[in-house]
Amino acid sequence: MVRAVVLVKSPKRLIAARLRKVAAVDYSFPISGQFDAIAVVQVGSLSEIKGVTSEIHKIRGVERTETMVEVQ
């Protein structure tokens, strides 16, 4: 399994709830600072991360993301 954290920039208030609707997102929550929410993603392989971030970018209001993959 591969786990990653996706930082999401969005002016939408309920962006964390919208992120939870993406199948590979284990959980998400709002944060303060440069980004507005975090999505914790778990997939079977590293190559699947791009597909998940593409789905996140399709959510209305998402301006940008930054993805950090867990190193084991």
C-alpha atoms as a PDB file:
ATOM      1  CA  MET A   1       0.000   0.000   0.000  1.00  0.00           C
ATOM      2  CA  VAL A   2       1.091   3.538  -0.721  1.00  0.00           C
ATOM      3  CA  ARG A   3      -0.073   6.434   1.432  1.00  0.00           C
ATOM      4  CA  ALA A   4       0.095  10.106   0.527  1.00  0.00           C
ATOM      5  CA  VAL A   5      -1.034  13.438   1.903  1.00  0.00           C
ATOM      6  CA  VAL A   6      -2.595  15.863  -0.552  1.00  0.00           C
ATOM      7  CA  LEU A   7      -2.699  19.524   0.491  1.00  0.00           C
ATOM      8  CA  VAL A   8      -5.594  21.338  -1.173  1.00  0.00           C
ATOM      9  CA  LYS A   9      -6.066  25.063  -1.797  1.00  0.00           C
ATOM     10  CA  SER A  10      -9.706  26.064  -2.190  1.00  0.00           C
ATOM     11  CA  PRO A  11     -11.842  29.000  -1.095  1.00  0.00           C
ATOM     12  CA  LYS A  12     -14.835  26.655  -0.653  1.00  0.00           C
ATOM     13  CA  ARG A  13     -15.797  26.138   2.992  1.00  0.00           C
ATOM     14  CA  LEU A  14     -16.823  22.489   2.682  1.00  0.00           C
ATOM     15  CA  ILE A  15     -13.888  21.302   0.581  1.00  0.00           C
ATOM     16  CA  ALA A  16     -12.833  18.666   3.166  1.00  0.00           C
ATOM     17  CA  ALA A  17     -16.272  17.039   2.955  1.00  0.00           C
ATOM     18  CA  ARG A  18     -16.078  17.031  -0.836  1.00  0.00           C
ATOM     19  CA  LEU A  19     -12.648  15.393  -0.708  1.00  0.00           C
ATOM     20  CA  ARG A  20     -14.064  12.494   1.340  1.00  0.00           C
ATOM     21  CA  LYS A  21     -16.233  11.534  -1.639  1.00  0.00           C
ATOM     22  CA  VAL A  22     -13.142  10.546  -3.664  1.00  0.00           C
ATOM     23  CA  ALA A  23     -12.827   6.768  -3.382  1.00  0.00           C
ATOM     24  CA  ALA A  24      -9.133   6.577  -2.408  1.00  0.00           C
ATOM     25  CA  VAL A  25      -9.355   9.301   0.266  1.00  0.00           C
ATOM     26  CA  ASP A  26      -9.255   7.662   3.714  1.00  0.00           C
ATOM     27  CA  TYR A  27     -10.065  10.891   5.505  1.00  0.00           C
ATOM     28  CA  SER A  28      -9.759  14.639   5.129  1.00  0.00           C
ATOM     29  CA  PHE A  29     -10.006  17.682   7.331  1.00  0.00           C
ATOM     30  CA  PRO A  30      -9.778  21.474   7.081  1.00  0.00           C
ATOM     31  CA  ILE A  31      -6.555  23.200   8.097  1.00  0.00           C
ATOM     32  CA  SER A  32      -5.308  26.742   8.516  1.00  0.00           C
ATOM     33  CA  GLY A  33      -2.370  28.233   6.696  1.00  0.00           C
ATOM     34  CA  GLN A  34      -1.296  28.261   3.078  1.00  0.00           C
ATOM     35  CA  PHE A  35      -3.658  25.384   2.191  1.00  0.00           C
ATOM     36  CA  ASP A  36      -7.267  24.848   3.219  1.00  0.00           C
ATOM     37  CA  ALA A  37      -7.611  21.070   3.594  1.00  0.00           C
ATOM     38  CA  ILE A  38      -5.676  17.819   3.783  1.00  0.00           C
ATOM     39  CA  ALA A  39      -6.698  14.556   2.152  1.00  0.00           C
ATOM     40  CA  VAL A  40      -4.994  11.362   3.284  1.00  0.00           C
ATOM     41  CA  VAL A  41      -4.934   8.943   0.355  1.00  0.00           C
ATOM     42  CA  GLN A  42      -4.213   5.223   0.360  1.00  0.00           C
ATOM     43  CA  VAL A  43      -3.787   3.289  -2.900  1.00  0.00           C
ATOM     44  CA  GLY A  44      -2.267   0.023  -4.047  1.00  0.00           C
ATOM     45  CA  SER A  45       0.616   1.463  -6.068  1.00  0.00           C
ATOM     46  CA  LEU A  46       2.502   4.690  -6.602  1.00  0.00           C
ATOM     47  CA  SER A  47       1.194   5.003 -10.151  1.00  0.00           C
ATOM     48  CA  GLU A  48      -2.388   5.362  -8.826  1.00  0.00           C
ATOM     49  CA  ILE A  49      -1.603   8.620  -6.987  1.00  0.00           C
ATOM     50  CA  LYS A  50      -1.796  10.692 -10.175  1.00  0.00           C
ATOM     51  CA  GLY A  51      -5.313   9.415 -10.897  1.00  0.00           C
ATOM     52  CA  VAL A  52      -6.469  10.366  -7.414  1.00  0.00           C
ATOM     53  CA  THR A  53      -5.012  13.855  -7.648  1.00  0.00           C
ATOM     54  CA  SER A  54      -6.670  14.260 -11.059  1.00  0.00           C
ATOM     55  CA  GLU A  55     -10.022  13.394  -9.437  1.00  0.00           C
ATOM     56  CA  ILE A  56      -9.355  15.939  -6.686  1.00  0.00           C
ATOM     57  CA  HIS A  57      -8.603  18.624  -9.288  1.00  0.00           C
ATOM     58  CA  LYS A  58     -12.022  17.979 -10.874  1.00  0.00           C
ATOM     59  CA  ILE A  59     -13.777  19.033  -7.648  1.00  0.00           C
ATOM     60  CA  ARG A  60     -15.314  22.456  -8.091  1.00  0.00           C
ATOM     61  CA  GLY A  61     -13.322  25.106  -6.270  1.00  0.00           C
ATOM     62  CA  VAL A  62      -9.975  23.294  -6.063  1.00  0.00           C
ATOM     63  CA  GLU A  63      -7.328  25.803  -7.097  1.00  0.00           C
ATOM     64  CA  ARG A  64      -4.177  23.749  -6.588  1.00  0.00           C
ATOM     65  CA  THR A  65      -2.754  20.788  -4.730  1.00  0.00           C
ATOM     66  CA  GLU A  66       0.558  19.577  -3.405  1.00  0.00           C
ATOM     67  CA  THR A  67       1.131  15.867  -2.873  1.00  0.00           C
ATOM     68  CA  MET A  68       3.571  14.259  -0.470  1.00  0.00           C
ATOM     69  CA  VAL A  69       4.072  10.491  -0.620  1.00  0.00           C
ATOM     70  CA  GLU A  70       4.998   8.568   2.525  1.00  0.00           C
ATOM     71  CA  VAL A  71       8.520   7.125   2.363  1.00  0.00           C
ATOM     72  CA  GLN A  72       8.979   3.738   3.960  1.00  0.00           C
END
